[in-house]
Amino acid sequence: MALLFGCAHYSDTLESREQVHYYDRNGDGKVDDEVHHYLGATNADWELCDDKYVGRYDEKIVYYGVGYTATSVDIPVPTGVKIETQMPPLSSAPREPPYYRLADESHSYLIMLHDSGKLPGIQSDEIIQPRWVQSYDIYQMKGVPLDFAPSGEVDYMKPVVYPVTFTYIMSPYRQRYKIWGEPFELSDGSFYYYLVKKDSKSSRWRLVKACRQKLDGKVEDLAIQ
C-alpha cells in the first residue's frame, strides 16, 4: 500500500502542480541540483543532489512537515535542460562551505539551547526537529513577523557576508503513543519560530527572536533569556 502526501489526489491535480528546477551550483555548466516543487501542496517537495559534482546524483531529499529525510541514490544528472540563473532557493540546504558549516553550527546551537532548557516556549523533555523555514511555509505564517520569513535566494558560492541569520521552525512533541508504529504526540500543535544570528566570523551564535503560532493562528512573542 502506498501513502501519498499532499493537498490533492495525485492522479487528479498533484502531478499537474509539479515544477522542476535545475541548478548548477559550482558553475561548471552541468546540472548538480534538481528541485521538484508542487504548488499549493505540502509534504510533497523533493530534491536530487550531485554533491560530488561528478555528473551523477548521489542524494535524494524529501521534505515534510517537521523536517526532511535523505537517502543515497545513483542517478545520472539530466542534460539538455534549462539551468536556472539563480542559485537554489533557501528551501535547499546549503552544501557548500562555508555556508554548510554555518548552517550546521546554528542548528547545533539551537539543539544546545533546547537540551539546557533555555529554548523559549519549549520544555527540555519535548522532542524537537528544527528545520529551516521554507518557501512553502508562507501559507501558514500569516501574522508571524516578517523577520522570520524566508529570505529568498542565497548565493552559496559567494563569500559569507556577516551578519548571518537562520530561521528555524519546529512543532515539539512527546513520545507517549504510537502512530504508524512510531511513538509520537504533538504537545499542543503550535509552531515555534526561532531566529539565530552570528554577527561576525569570531562571534558566537545568539538567539535574537522567538515566537509561537497557536492553532488558531494567533502569534505571541517569546521572552529570550
N, C-alpha and C. Protein backbone atom coordinates (compact mmCIF):
# COMPACT_ATOMS: atom_id res chain seq x y z
N MET A 1 0.85 -1.19 0.00
CA MET A 1 0.00 0.00 0.00
C MET A 1 0.88 1.24 0.00
N ALA A 2 0.61 2.16 -0.88
CA ALA A 2 1.39 3.39 -0.98
C ALA A 2 0.65 4.53 -0.31
N LEU A 3 1.38 5.35 0.41
CA LEU A 3 0.81 6.53 1.05
C LEU A 3 1.24 7.76 0.28
N LEU A 4 0.29 8.56 -0.17
CA LEU A 4 0.59 9.77 -0.92
C LEU A 4 0.29 10.97 -0.06
N PHE A 5 1.24 11.92 0.01
CA PHE A 5 1.09 13.09 0.84
C PHE A 5 0.89 14.32 -0.04
N GLY A 6 -0.06 15.15 0.32
CA GLY A 6 -0.28 16.37 -0.43
C GLY A 6 -1.68 16.87 -0.19
N CYS A 7 -2.05 17.89 -0.93
CA CYS A 7 -3.36 18.50 -0.73
C CYS A 7 -4.41 17.93 -1.66
N ALA A 8 -4.01 17.08 -2.61
CA ALA A 8 -4.99 16.57 -3.57
C ALA A 8 -4.56 15.18 -4.02
N HIS A 9 -5.49 14.45 -4.61
CA HIS A 9 -5.19 13.13 -5.11
C HIS A 9 -4.20 13.24 -6.26
N TYR A 10 -3.17 12.40 -6.24
CA TYR A 10 -2.08 12.51 -7.20
C TYR A 10 -2.57 12.47 -8.64
N SER A 11 -3.45 11.53 -8.95
CA SER A 11 -3.88 11.36 -10.33
C SER A 11 -4.76 12.49 -10.82
N ASP A 12 -5.27 13.33 -9.89
CA ASP A 12 -6.16 14.41 -10.29
C ASP A 12 -5.41 15.72 -10.52
N THR A 13 -4.69 16.20 -9.49
CA THR A 13 -4.13 17.54 -9.62
C THR A 13 -2.68 17.66 -9.17
N LEU A 14 -2.19 16.78 -8.31
CA LEU A 14 -0.85 16.96 -7.76
C LEU A 14 0.22 16.94 -8.83
N GLU A 15 0.10 16.02 -9.77
CA GLU A 15 1.09 15.91 -10.83
C GLU A 15 1.13 17.17 -11.69
N SER A 16 -0.04 17.79 -11.92
CA SER A 16 -0.10 18.99 -12.74
C SER A 16 0.49 20.21 -12.02
N ARG A 17 0.66 20.11 -10.70
CA ARG A 17 1.21 21.23 -9.93
C ARG A 17 2.73 21.20 -9.85
N GLU A 18 3.33 20.15 -10.39
CA GLU A 18 4.77 19.98 -10.24
C GLU A 18 5.56 21.02 -11.04
N GLN A 19 6.56 21.60 -10.40
CA GLN A 19 7.53 22.48 -11.05
C GLN A 19 8.91 21.89 -10.80
N VAL A 20 9.70 21.73 -11.86
CA VAL A 20 11.04 21.17 -11.74
C VAL A 20 12.06 22.24 -12.10
N HIS A 21 13.02 22.46 -11.23
CA HIS A 21 14.05 23.47 -11.44
C HIS A 21 15.43 22.80 -11.37
N TYR A 22 16.30 23.17 -12.31
CA TYR A 22 17.65 22.61 -12.36
C TYR A 22 18.66 23.70 -12.07
N TYR A 23 19.70 23.34 -11.29
CA TYR A 23 20.69 24.33 -10.87
C TYR A 23 22.10 23.82 -11.11
N ASP A 24 23.01 24.76 -11.32
CA ASP A 24 24.44 24.49 -11.46
C ASP A 24 25.15 25.26 -10.35
N ARG A 25 25.40 24.59 -9.22
CA ARG A 25 25.91 25.30 -8.04
C ARG A 25 27.39 25.62 -8.11
N ASN A 26 28.16 24.85 -8.87
CA ASN A 26 29.60 25.11 -8.91
C ASN A 26 30.05 25.79 -10.20
N GLY A 27 29.09 26.13 -11.06
CA GLY A 27 29.40 26.93 -12.24
C GLY A 27 30.17 26.21 -13.33
N ASP A 28 30.06 24.86 -13.42
CA ASP A 28 30.79 24.14 -14.46
C ASP A 28 29.93 23.86 -15.69
N GLY A 29 28.70 24.42 -15.69
CA GLY A 29 27.83 24.26 -16.84
C GLY A 29 26.99 22.99 -16.82
N LYS A 30 27.11 22.17 -15.76
CA LYS A 30 26.36 20.92 -15.66
C LYS A 30 25.38 20.97 -14.49
N VAL A 31 24.27 20.30 -14.64
CA VAL A 31 23.27 20.24 -13.57
C VAL A 31 23.85 19.47 -12.38
N ASP A 32 23.66 20.00 -11.18
CA ASP A 32 24.07 19.26 -9.97
C ASP A 32 23.02 19.35 -8.86
N ASP A 33 21.88 19.97 -9.16
CA ASP A 33 20.82 20.07 -8.16
C ASP A 33 19.48 20.16 -8.90
N GLU A 34 18.53 19.34 -8.48
CA GLU A 34 17.22 19.26 -9.14
C GLU A 34 16.13 19.33 -8.09
N VAL A 35 15.31 20.38 -8.14
CA VAL A 35 14.29 20.60 -7.12
C VAL A 35 12.91 20.40 -7.73
N HIS A 36 12.09 19.54 -7.09
CA HIS A 36 10.72 19.30 -7.52
C HIS A 36 9.79 19.96 -6.51
N HIS A 37 9.05 20.96 -6.96
CA HIS A 37 8.15 21.72 -6.09
C HIS A 37 6.72 21.58 -6.60
N TYR A 38 5.76 21.41 -5.67
CA TYR A 38 4.36 21.22 -6.02
C TYR A 38 3.56 22.40 -5.47
N LEU A 39 3.05 23.23 -6.37
CA LEU A 39 2.32 24.42 -5.97
C LEU A 39 1.10 24.08 -5.13
N GLY A 40 0.97 24.72 -3.97
CA GLY A 40 -0.19 24.54 -3.13
C GLY A 40 -0.26 23.23 -2.38
N ALA A 41 0.79 22.41 -2.45
CA ALA A 41 0.80 21.12 -1.76
C ALA A 41 1.86 21.11 -0.68
N THR A 42 1.58 20.39 0.39
CA THR A 42 2.56 20.22 1.46
C THR A 42 3.02 18.78 1.50
N ASN A 43 4.19 18.56 2.09
CA ASN A 43 4.75 17.23 2.23
C ASN A 43 4.95 16.54 0.89
N ALA A 44 5.24 17.32 -0.15
CA ALA A 44 5.37 16.72 -1.47
C ALA A 44 6.70 17.06 -2.15
N ASP A 45 7.36 18.15 -1.76
CA ASP A 45 8.59 18.58 -2.42
C ASP A 45 9.74 17.60 -2.18
N TRP A 46 10.58 17.45 -3.20
CA TRP A 46 11.77 16.62 -3.06
C TRP A 46 12.87 17.14 -3.97
N GLU A 47 14.07 16.61 -3.76
CA GLU A 47 15.25 17.20 -4.40
C GLU A 47 16.29 16.12 -4.65
N LEU A 48 17.00 16.23 -5.78
CA LEU A 48 18.13 15.36 -6.11
C LEU A 48 19.40 16.20 -6.15
N CYS A 49 20.50 15.68 -5.58
CA CYS A 49 21.73 16.47 -5.46
C CYS A 49 22.94 15.66 -5.91
N ASP A 50 23.80 16.32 -6.65
CA ASP A 50 25.11 15.79 -7.00
C ASP A 50 26.14 16.58 -6.20
N ASP A 51 26.42 16.12 -4.97
CA ASP A 51 27.30 16.87 -4.08
C ASP A 51 28.77 16.65 -4.37
N LYS A 52 29.06 15.66 -5.24
CA LYS A 52 30.46 15.40 -5.60
C LYS A 52 30.80 16.01 -6.96
N TYR A 53 29.80 16.53 -7.64
CA TYR A 53 29.98 17.16 -8.95
C TYR A 53 30.65 16.21 -9.95
N VAL A 54 30.11 15.00 -10.05
CA VAL A 54 30.67 14.01 -10.96
C VAL A 54 29.68 13.62 -12.04
N GLY A 55 28.56 14.33 -12.14
CA GLY A 55 27.58 14.04 -13.17
C GLY A 55 26.56 12.99 -12.78
N ARG A 56 26.50 12.63 -11.50
CA ARG A 56 25.52 11.66 -11.02
C ARG A 56 24.96 12.14 -9.68
N TYR A 57 23.64 12.08 -9.55
CA TYR A 57 23.02 12.43 -8.27
C TYR A 57 23.40 11.36 -7.25
N ASP A 58 23.79 11.79 -6.05
CA ASP A 58 24.15 10.84 -5.00
C ASP A 58 23.23 10.93 -3.78
N GLU A 59 22.28 11.89 -3.78
CA GLU A 59 21.40 12.03 -2.63
C GLU A 59 20.03 12.50 -3.06
N LYS A 60 18.99 11.92 -2.46
CA LYS A 60 17.61 12.38 -2.65
C LYS A 60 17.08 12.85 -1.31
N ILE A 61 16.51 14.06 -1.29
CA ILE A 61 15.97 14.66 -0.08
C ILE A 61 14.47 14.86 -0.25
N VAL A 62 13.70 14.35 0.69
CA VAL A 62 12.25 14.52 0.69
C VAL A 62 11.88 15.39 1.87
N TYR A 63 11.20 16.51 1.59
CA TYR A 63 10.82 17.45 2.64
C TYR A 63 9.42 17.13 3.15
N TYR A 64 9.24 17.23 4.47
CA TYR A 64 7.93 17.02 5.06
C TYR A 64 7.74 18.00 6.20
N GLY A 65 6.61 17.87 6.91
CA GLY A 65 6.17 18.91 7.84
C GLY A 65 7.18 19.39 8.85
N VAL A 66 7.93 18.48 9.49
CA VAL A 66 8.83 18.92 10.55
C VAL A 66 10.29 18.65 10.22
N GLY A 67 10.60 18.39 8.98
CA GLY A 67 12.00 18.16 8.64
C GLY A 67 12.15 17.57 7.26
N TYR A 68 13.10 16.65 7.12
CA TYR A 68 13.34 16.03 5.82
C TYR A 68 14.03 14.69 6.04
N THR A 69 14.01 13.86 5.01
CA THR A 69 14.75 12.61 5.02
C THR A 69 15.68 12.61 3.81
N ALA A 70 16.86 12.05 3.98
CA ALA A 70 17.85 11.98 2.90
C ALA A 70 18.25 10.53 2.68
N THR A 71 18.27 10.10 1.43
CA THR A 71 18.68 8.74 1.10
C THR A 71 19.70 8.79 -0.03
N SER A 72 20.56 7.80 -0.08
CA SER A 72 21.59 7.72 -1.13
C SER A 72 20.98 7.18 -2.42
N VAL A 73 21.38 7.77 -3.54
CA VAL A 73 20.93 7.32 -4.86
C VAL A 73 22.13 7.33 -5.80
N ASP A 74 21.96 6.77 -6.97
CA ASP A 74 22.98 6.80 -8.02
C ASP A 74 22.26 6.96 -9.35
N ILE A 75 22.03 8.22 -9.74
CA ILE A 75 21.22 8.55 -10.91
C ILE A 75 22.00 9.56 -11.76
N PRO A 76 22.10 9.36 -13.05
CA PRO A 76 22.79 10.34 -13.89
C PRO A 76 22.03 11.66 -13.92
N VAL A 77 22.77 12.77 -13.91
CA VAL A 77 22.12 14.08 -13.98
C VAL A 77 21.62 14.29 -15.40
N PRO A 78 20.53 15.05 -15.58
CA PRO A 78 20.00 15.26 -16.92
C PRO A 78 20.85 16.24 -17.72
N THR A 79 20.76 16.12 -19.03
CA THR A 79 21.42 17.06 -19.93
C THR A 79 20.36 17.66 -20.86
N GLY A 80 20.69 18.79 -21.44
CA GLY A 80 19.77 19.43 -22.36
C GLY A 80 18.57 20.05 -21.70
N VAL A 81 18.65 20.37 -20.41
CA VAL A 81 17.55 21.02 -19.68
C VAL A 81 17.94 22.46 -19.37
N LYS A 82 16.93 23.27 -19.06
CA LYS A 82 17.17 24.66 -18.72
C LYS A 82 17.73 24.77 -17.31
N ILE A 83 18.89 25.41 -17.18
CA ILE A 83 19.52 25.62 -15.89
C ILE A 83 19.15 27.01 -15.39
N GLU A 84 18.63 27.08 -14.18
CA GLU A 84 18.22 28.36 -13.61
C GLU A 84 19.42 29.28 -13.43
N THR A 85 19.19 30.58 -13.63
CA THR A 85 20.27 31.55 -13.45
C THR A 85 20.49 31.87 -11.97
N GLN A 86 19.44 31.70 -11.15
CA GLN A 86 19.57 31.92 -9.71
C GLN A 86 20.08 30.64 -9.05
N MET A 87 20.69 30.81 -7.87
CA MET A 87 21.08 29.65 -7.08
C MET A 87 19.85 29.01 -6.45
N PRO A 88 19.96 27.77 -5.94
CA PRO A 88 18.80 27.12 -5.32
C PRO A 88 18.19 27.97 -4.22
N PRO A 89 16.85 27.88 -4.04
CA PRO A 89 16.19 28.69 -3.01
C PRO A 89 16.58 28.25 -1.61
N LEU A 90 16.15 29.03 -0.63
CA LEU A 90 16.51 28.76 0.75
C LEU A 90 16.01 27.42 1.21
N SER A 91 14.96 26.90 0.56
CA SER A 91 14.45 25.59 0.96
C SER A 91 15.45 24.48 0.70
N SER A 92 16.45 24.74 -0.16
CA SER A 92 17.51 23.77 -0.38
C SER A 92 18.62 24.03 0.63
N ALA A 93 18.99 23.01 1.37
CA ALA A 93 20.02 23.18 2.39
C ALA A 93 21.36 23.52 1.74
N PRO A 94 22.12 24.46 2.29
CA PRO A 94 23.42 24.82 1.70
C PRO A 94 24.42 23.70 1.88
N ARG A 95 25.05 23.30 0.82
CA ARG A 95 26.02 22.20 0.91
C ARG A 95 27.42 22.64 0.53
N GLU A 96 27.63 23.93 0.36
CA GLU A 96 28.93 24.44 0.02
C GLU A 96 29.56 25.12 1.23
N PRO A 97 30.80 24.78 1.58
CA PRO A 97 31.45 25.55 2.63
C PRO A 97 31.66 26.97 2.13
N PRO A 98 31.57 27.99 3.01
CA PRO A 98 31.41 27.85 4.46
C PRO A 98 29.96 27.84 4.93
N TYR A 99 28.97 27.95 4.01
CA TYR A 99 27.59 28.02 4.47
C TYR A 99 27.13 26.71 5.11
N TYR A 100 27.62 25.59 4.63
CA TYR A 100 27.24 24.33 5.25
C TYR A 100 27.68 24.31 6.71
N ARG A 101 28.92 24.76 6.95
CA ARG A 101 29.43 24.80 8.32
C ARG A 101 28.59 25.73 9.18
N LEU A 102 28.22 26.88 8.64
CA LEU A 102 27.43 27.84 9.41
C LEU A 102 26.04 27.29 9.72
N ALA A 103 25.43 26.63 8.74
CA ALA A 103 24.12 26.02 8.97
C ALA A 103 24.20 24.95 10.04
N ASP A 104 25.26 24.14 9.99
CA ASP A 104 25.44 23.09 10.98
C ASP A 104 25.68 23.69 12.36
N GLU A 105 26.47 24.77 12.42
CA GLU A 105 26.74 25.45 13.69
C GLU A 105 25.45 25.99 14.31
N SER A 106 24.63 26.65 13.48
CA SER A 106 23.40 27.27 14.01
C SER A 106 22.42 26.21 14.49
N HIS A 107 22.35 25.10 13.78
CA HIS A 107 21.47 24.00 14.17
C HIS A 107 21.93 23.42 15.51
N SER A 108 23.24 23.21 15.65
CA SER A 108 23.78 22.67 16.90
C SER A 108 23.54 23.63 18.06
N TYR A 109 23.64 24.92 17.78
CA TYR A 109 23.40 25.93 18.81
C TYR A 109 21.95 25.84 19.32
N LEU A 110 21.01 25.66 18.40
CA LEU A 110 19.60 25.57 18.78
C LEU A 110 19.35 24.32 19.62
N ILE A 111 19.97 23.21 19.23
CA ILE A 111 19.84 21.96 19.99
C ILE A 111 20.42 22.14 21.40
N MET A 112 21.54 22.85 21.50
CA MET A 112 22.15 23.10 22.80
C MET A 112 21.23 23.89 23.70
N LEU A 113 20.57 24.92 23.15
CA LEU A 113 19.63 25.70 23.93
C LEU A 113 18.50 24.81 24.45
N HIS A 114 18.00 23.94 23.59
CA HIS A 114 16.91 23.05 23.98
C HIS A 114 17.35 22.10 25.09
N ASP A 115 18.50 21.46 24.90
CA ASP A 115 18.96 20.46 25.86
C ASP A 115 19.26 21.08 27.23
N SER A 116 19.62 22.36 27.26
CA SER A 116 19.92 23.05 28.51
C SER A 116 18.71 23.76 29.09
N GLY A 117 17.53 23.57 28.46
CA GLY A 117 16.31 24.17 28.96
C GLY A 117 16.20 25.67 28.73
N LYS A 118 16.93 26.19 27.75
CA LYS A 118 16.95 27.63 27.50
C LYS A 118 16.27 28.04 26.20
N LEU A 119 15.56 27.10 25.55
CA LEU A 119 14.85 27.41 24.32
C LEU A 119 13.46 27.91 24.68
N PRO A 120 13.15 29.18 24.43
CA PRO A 120 11.88 29.75 24.88
C PRO A 120 10.67 28.98 24.38
N GLY A 121 9.74 28.70 25.29
CA GLY A 121 8.47 28.11 24.92
C GLY A 121 8.44 26.60 24.86
N ILE A 122 9.61 25.95 24.88
CA ILE A 122 9.68 24.50 24.72
C ILE A 122 10.43 23.89 25.91
N GLN A 123 9.86 22.82 26.44
CA GLN A 123 10.49 22.14 27.56
C GLN A 123 11.59 21.20 27.07
N SER A 124 12.59 20.99 27.91
CA SER A 124 13.73 20.15 27.52
C SER A 124 13.34 18.69 27.32
N ASP A 125 12.19 18.24 27.90
CA ASP A 125 11.77 16.86 27.71
C ASP A 125 10.91 16.68 26.46
N GLU A 126 10.62 17.76 25.76
CA GLU A 126 9.90 17.68 24.49
C GLU A 126 10.91 17.44 23.37
N ILE A 127 10.51 16.67 22.39
CA ILE A 127 11.39 16.33 21.28
C ILE A 127 11.22 17.36 20.17
N ILE A 128 12.33 17.82 19.62
CA ILE A 128 12.27 18.82 18.55
C ILE A 128 13.01 18.31 17.32
N GLN A 129 12.55 18.77 16.17
CA GLN A 129 13.21 18.51 14.89
C GLN A 129 13.29 19.83 14.13
N PRO A 130 14.18 20.69 14.54
CA PRO A 130 14.24 22.02 13.90
C PRO A 130 14.67 21.94 12.45
N ARG A 131 14.05 22.72 11.62
CA ARG A 131 14.44 22.83 10.21
C ARG A 131 14.29 24.27 9.77
N TRP A 132 14.91 24.58 8.65
CA TRP A 132 14.80 25.93 8.11
C TRP A 132 13.36 26.25 7.73
N VAL A 133 12.96 27.49 7.90
CA VAL A 133 11.70 27.95 7.32
C VAL A 133 11.85 27.91 5.80
N GLN A 134 10.89 27.28 5.12
CA GLN A 134 10.96 27.09 3.68
C GLN A 134 9.87 27.89 2.99
N SER A 135 10.01 28.00 1.68
CA SER A 135 9.10 28.84 0.91
C SER A 135 7.65 28.39 1.06
N TYR A 136 7.41 27.07 1.18
CA TYR A 136 6.03 26.59 1.27
C TYR A 136 5.42 26.82 2.65
N ASP A 137 6.22 27.32 3.62
CA ASP A 137 5.68 27.64 4.94
C ASP A 137 4.92 28.96 4.96
N ILE A 138 5.07 29.76 3.91
CA ILE A 138 4.48 31.10 3.88
C ILE A 138 2.97 31.04 4.11
N TYR A 139 2.32 29.99 3.57
CA TYR A 139 0.85 29.94 3.64
C TYR A 139 0.36 29.89 5.08
N GLN A 140 1.15 29.36 6.00
CA GLN A 140 0.71 29.23 7.38
C GLN A 140 1.30 30.32 8.28
N MET A 141 2.08 31.24 7.71
CA MET A 141 2.80 32.22 8.52
C MET A 141 2.09 33.56 8.63
N LYS A 142 0.82 33.62 8.31
CA LYS A 142 0.07 34.87 8.43
C LYS A 142 0.09 35.35 9.87
N GLY A 143 0.53 36.56 10.07
CA GLY A 143 0.61 37.12 11.40
C GLY A 143 1.98 36.97 12.04
N VAL A 144 2.82 36.10 11.47
CA VAL A 144 4.18 35.92 12.00
C VAL A 144 5.04 37.09 11.52
N PRO A 145 5.83 37.73 12.39
CA PRO A 145 6.66 38.87 11.98
C PRO A 145 7.52 38.54 10.77
N LEU A 146 7.70 39.52 9.90
CA LEU A 146 8.45 39.30 8.67
C LEU A 146 9.89 38.90 8.92
N ASP A 147 10.40 39.19 10.10
CA ASP A 147 11.77 38.81 10.43
C ASP A 147 11.97 37.31 10.30
N PHE A 148 10.91 36.55 10.48
CA PHE A 148 11.01 35.09 10.46
C PHE A 148 10.78 34.50 9.08
N ALA A 149 10.39 35.31 8.11
CA ALA A 149 10.05 34.80 6.78
C ALA A 149 11.30 34.35 6.04
N PRO A 150 11.16 33.41 5.08
CA PRO A 150 12.31 33.01 4.26
C PRO A 150 12.93 34.22 3.58
N SER A 151 14.24 34.24 3.50
CA SER A 151 14.93 35.42 2.98
C SER A 151 15.21 35.33 1.49
N GLY A 152 14.54 34.41 0.78
CA GLY A 152 14.66 34.36 -0.67
C GLY A 152 15.91 33.62 -1.13
N GLU A 153 16.53 34.12 -2.18
CA GLU A 153 17.65 33.45 -2.79
C GLU A 153 18.95 33.75 -2.05
N VAL A 154 19.79 32.74 -1.90
CA VAL A 154 21.10 32.89 -1.29
C VAL A 154 22.12 32.29 -2.23
N ASP A 155 23.14 33.06 -2.59
CA ASP A 155 24.20 32.55 -3.45
C ASP A 155 25.27 31.91 -2.56
N TYR A 156 25.24 30.57 -2.46
CA TYR A 156 26.12 29.87 -1.55
C TYR A 156 27.58 29.87 -2.03
N MET A 157 27.79 30.23 -3.29
CA MET A 157 29.15 30.18 -3.83
C MET A 157 29.95 31.44 -3.49
N LYS A 158 29.27 32.49 -3.06
CA LYS A 158 29.95 33.73 -2.73
C LYS A 158 30.47 33.69 -1.29
N PRO A 159 31.47 34.52 -0.97
CA PRO A 159 31.96 34.58 0.41
C PRO A 159 30.86 34.99 1.37
N VAL A 160 30.98 34.55 2.61
CA VAL A 160 29.98 34.87 3.61
C VAL A 160 30.01 36.36 3.93
N VAL A 161 28.84 36.95 3.99
CA VAL A 161 28.70 38.34 4.39
C VAL A 161 28.00 38.36 5.74
N TYR A 162 28.67 38.87 6.75
CA TYR A 162 28.09 38.94 8.08
C TYR A 162 27.36 40.26 8.27
N PRO A 163 26.32 40.25 9.15
CA PRO A 163 25.86 39.13 9.98
C PRO A 163 25.10 38.08 9.17
N VAL A 164 25.13 36.84 9.68
CA VAL A 164 24.43 35.73 9.07
C VAL A 164 23.27 35.33 9.98
N THR A 165 22.09 35.13 9.41
CA THR A 165 20.93 34.71 10.19
C THR A 165 20.30 33.46 9.58
N PHE A 166 19.75 32.63 10.44
CA PHE A 166 18.99 31.47 10.01
C PHE A 166 17.69 31.45 10.81
N THR A 167 16.58 31.10 10.15
CA THR A 167 15.30 30.97 10.82
C THR A 167 14.90 29.50 10.85
N TYR A 168 14.48 29.04 12.02
CA TYR A 168 14.07 27.65 12.19
C TYR A 168 12.61 27.58 12.63
N ILE A 169 11.95 26.51 12.22
CA ILE A 169 10.57 26.25 12.60
C ILE A 169 10.51 24.85 13.20
N MET A 170 9.67 24.68 14.19
CA MET A 170 9.50 23.34 14.77
C MET A 170 8.16 23.25 15.47
N SER A 171 7.68 22.02 15.63
CA SER A 171 6.48 21.75 16.40
C SER A 171 6.82 20.59 17.33
N PRO A 172 7.15 20.87 18.60
CA PRO A 172 7.67 19.84 19.51
C PRO A 172 6.62 18.79 19.86
N TYR A 173 7.08 17.63 20.26
CA TYR A 173 6.16 16.57 20.66
C TYR A 173 6.80 15.72 21.74
N ARG A 174 5.98 14.91 22.37
CA ARG A 174 6.44 13.95 23.36
C ARG A 174 6.09 12.54 22.90
N GLN A 175 6.91 11.56 23.27
CA GLN A 175 6.65 10.18 22.88
C GLN A 175 5.74 9.54 23.92
N ARG A 176 4.46 9.41 23.57
CA ARG A 176 3.51 8.81 24.52
C ARG A 176 2.67 7.70 23.91
N TYR A 177 2.45 7.72 22.61
CA TYR A 177 1.72 6.63 21.99
C TYR A 177 2.25 6.45 20.57
N LYS A 178 1.82 5.39 19.91
CA LYS A 178 2.40 5.06 18.62
C LYS A 178 1.46 5.41 17.48
N ILE A 179 2.03 5.95 16.42
CA ILE A 179 1.31 6.22 15.18
C ILE A 179 2.17 5.69 14.05
N TRP A 180 1.62 4.83 13.21
CA TRP A 180 2.37 4.16 12.15
C TRP A 180 3.57 3.41 12.73
N GLY A 181 3.39 2.88 13.93
CA GLY A 181 4.46 2.10 14.53
C GLY A 181 5.51 2.90 15.26
N GLU A 182 5.42 4.24 15.22
CA GLU A 182 6.40 5.08 15.88
C GLU A 182 5.74 5.88 16.99
N PRO A 183 6.41 6.00 18.17
CA PRO A 183 5.86 6.81 19.26
C PRO A 183 5.81 8.28 18.85
N PHE A 184 4.67 8.92 19.05
CA PHE A 184 4.52 10.28 18.56
C PHE A 184 3.36 10.97 19.24
N GLU A 185 3.56 12.22 19.64
CA GLU A 185 2.45 13.04 20.12
C GLU A 185 2.83 14.51 20.03
N LEU A 186 2.04 15.29 19.33
CA LEU A 186 2.25 16.74 19.32
C LEU A 186 1.90 17.29 20.69
N SER A 187 2.72 18.20 21.19
CA SER A 187 2.45 18.75 22.51
C SER A 187 1.17 19.58 22.50
N ASP A 188 1.09 20.53 21.59
CA ASP A 188 -0.13 21.34 21.50
C ASP A 188 -0.45 21.76 20.07
N GLY A 189 0.34 21.33 19.11
CA GLY A 189 0.09 21.67 17.72
C GLY A 189 0.58 23.03 17.29
N SER A 190 1.19 23.77 18.21
CA SER A 190 1.71 25.10 17.86
C SER A 190 2.99 24.98 17.04
N PHE A 191 3.26 26.04 16.26
CA PHE A 191 4.52 26.15 15.55
C PHE A 191 5.38 27.20 16.26
N TYR A 192 6.65 26.88 16.41
CA TYR A 192 7.58 27.80 17.06
C TYR A 192 8.63 28.24 16.04
N TYR A 193 8.92 29.54 16.04
CA TYR A 193 9.89 30.11 15.12
C TYR A 193 11.03 30.73 15.92
N TYR A 194 12.27 30.46 15.46
CA TYR A 194 13.45 30.97 16.14
C TYR A 194 14.41 31.57 15.11
N LEU A 195 14.86 32.77 15.39
CA LEU A 195 15.81 33.46 14.52
C LEU A 195 17.15 33.55 15.25
N VAL A 196 18.17 32.91 14.68
CA VAL A 196 19.50 32.93 15.28
C VAL A 196 20.43 33.75 14.40
N LYS A 197 21.45 34.34 15.03
CA LYS A 197 22.29 35.30 14.32
C LYS A 197 23.74 35.16 14.75
N LYS A 198 24.63 35.33 13.79
CA LYS A 198 26.08 35.36 14.04
C LYS A 198 26.60 36.66 13.44
N ASP A 199 27.08 37.57 14.29
CA ASP A 199 27.42 38.92 13.85
C ASP A 199 28.72 38.99 13.07
N SER A 200 29.67 38.13 13.39
CA SER A 200 30.97 38.14 12.70
C SER A 200 31.57 36.74 12.74
N LYS A 201 32.66 36.55 12.04
CA LYS A 201 33.28 35.24 11.97
C LYS A 201 33.72 34.76 13.34
N SER A 202 34.17 35.67 14.19
CA SER A 202 34.70 35.30 15.50
C SER A 202 33.64 35.32 16.61
N SER A 203 32.44 35.81 16.31
CA SER A 203 31.41 35.91 17.35
C SER A 203 30.66 34.60 17.51
N ARG A 204 29.91 34.51 18.59
CA ARG A 204 29.11 33.32 18.86
C ARG A 204 27.70 33.49 18.31
N TRP A 205 27.03 32.37 18.08
CA TRP A 205 25.64 32.42 17.69
C TRP A 205 24.80 32.91 18.86
N ARG A 206 23.74 33.62 18.55
CA ARG A 206 22.82 34.05 19.60
C ARG A 206 21.40 34.02 19.07
N LEU A 207 20.47 33.78 19.97
CA LEU A 207 19.05 33.77 19.64
C LEU A 207 18.53 35.20 19.78
N VAL A 208 17.99 35.76 18.69
CA VAL A 208 17.58 37.16 18.72
C VAL A 208 16.06 37.34 18.73
N LYS A 209 15.32 36.37 18.21
CA LYS A 209 13.86 36.48 18.21
C LYS A 209 13.24 35.10 18.34
N ALA A 210 12.09 35.04 18.98
CA ALA A 210 11.36 33.79 19.10
C ALA A 210 9.87 34.09 19.21
N CYS A 211 9.05 33.27 18.57
CA CYS A 211 7.60 33.45 18.68
C CYS A 211 6.90 32.11 18.54
N ARG A 212 5.65 32.08 18.97
CA ARG A 212 4.83 30.88 18.92
C ARG A 212 3.55 31.20 18.15
N GLN A 213 3.20 30.35 17.20
CA GLN A 213 1.96 30.48 16.45
C GLN A 213 1.02 29.36 16.87
N LYS A 214 -0.09 29.72 17.52
CA LYS A 214 -1.03 28.73 18.03
C LYS A 214 -1.90 28.17 16.91
N LEU A 215 -2.66 27.15 17.24
CA LEU A 215 -3.52 26.52 16.25
C LEU A 215 -4.54 27.48 15.66
N ASP A 216 -4.97 28.48 16.45
CA ASP A 216 -5.94 29.43 15.94
C ASP A 216 -5.29 30.54 15.11
N GLY A 217 -3.98 30.46 14.90
CA GLY A 217 -3.28 31.43 14.09
C GLY A 217 -2.70 32.60 14.86
N LYS A 218 -3.08 32.74 16.12
CA LYS A 218 -2.58 33.86 16.92
C LYS A 218 -1.10 33.67 17.20
N VAL A 219 -0.37 34.79 17.18
CA VAL A 219 1.08 34.75 17.36
C VAL A 219 1.44 35.51 18.63
N GLU A 220 2.31 34.92 19.41
CA GLU A 220 2.79 35.58 20.62
C GLU A 220 4.31 35.54 20.65
N ASP A 221 4.93 36.67 21.06
CA ASP A 221 6.37 36.72 21.20
C ASP A 221 6.79 35.91 22.43
N LEU A 222 7.96 35.30 22.35
CA LEU A 222 8.50 34.54 23.46
C LEU A 222 9.72 35.27 24.03
N ALA A 223 9.78 35.37 25.35
CA ALA A 223 10.88 36.06 26.00
C ALA A 223 12.17 35.26 25.85
N ILE A 224 13.25 35.95 25.57
CA ILE A 224 14.56 35.33 25.42
C ILE A 224 15.38 35.54 26.68
N GLN A 225 15.94 34.48 27.21
CA GLN A 225 16.74 34.59 28.44
C GLN A 225 18.03 35.34 28.19
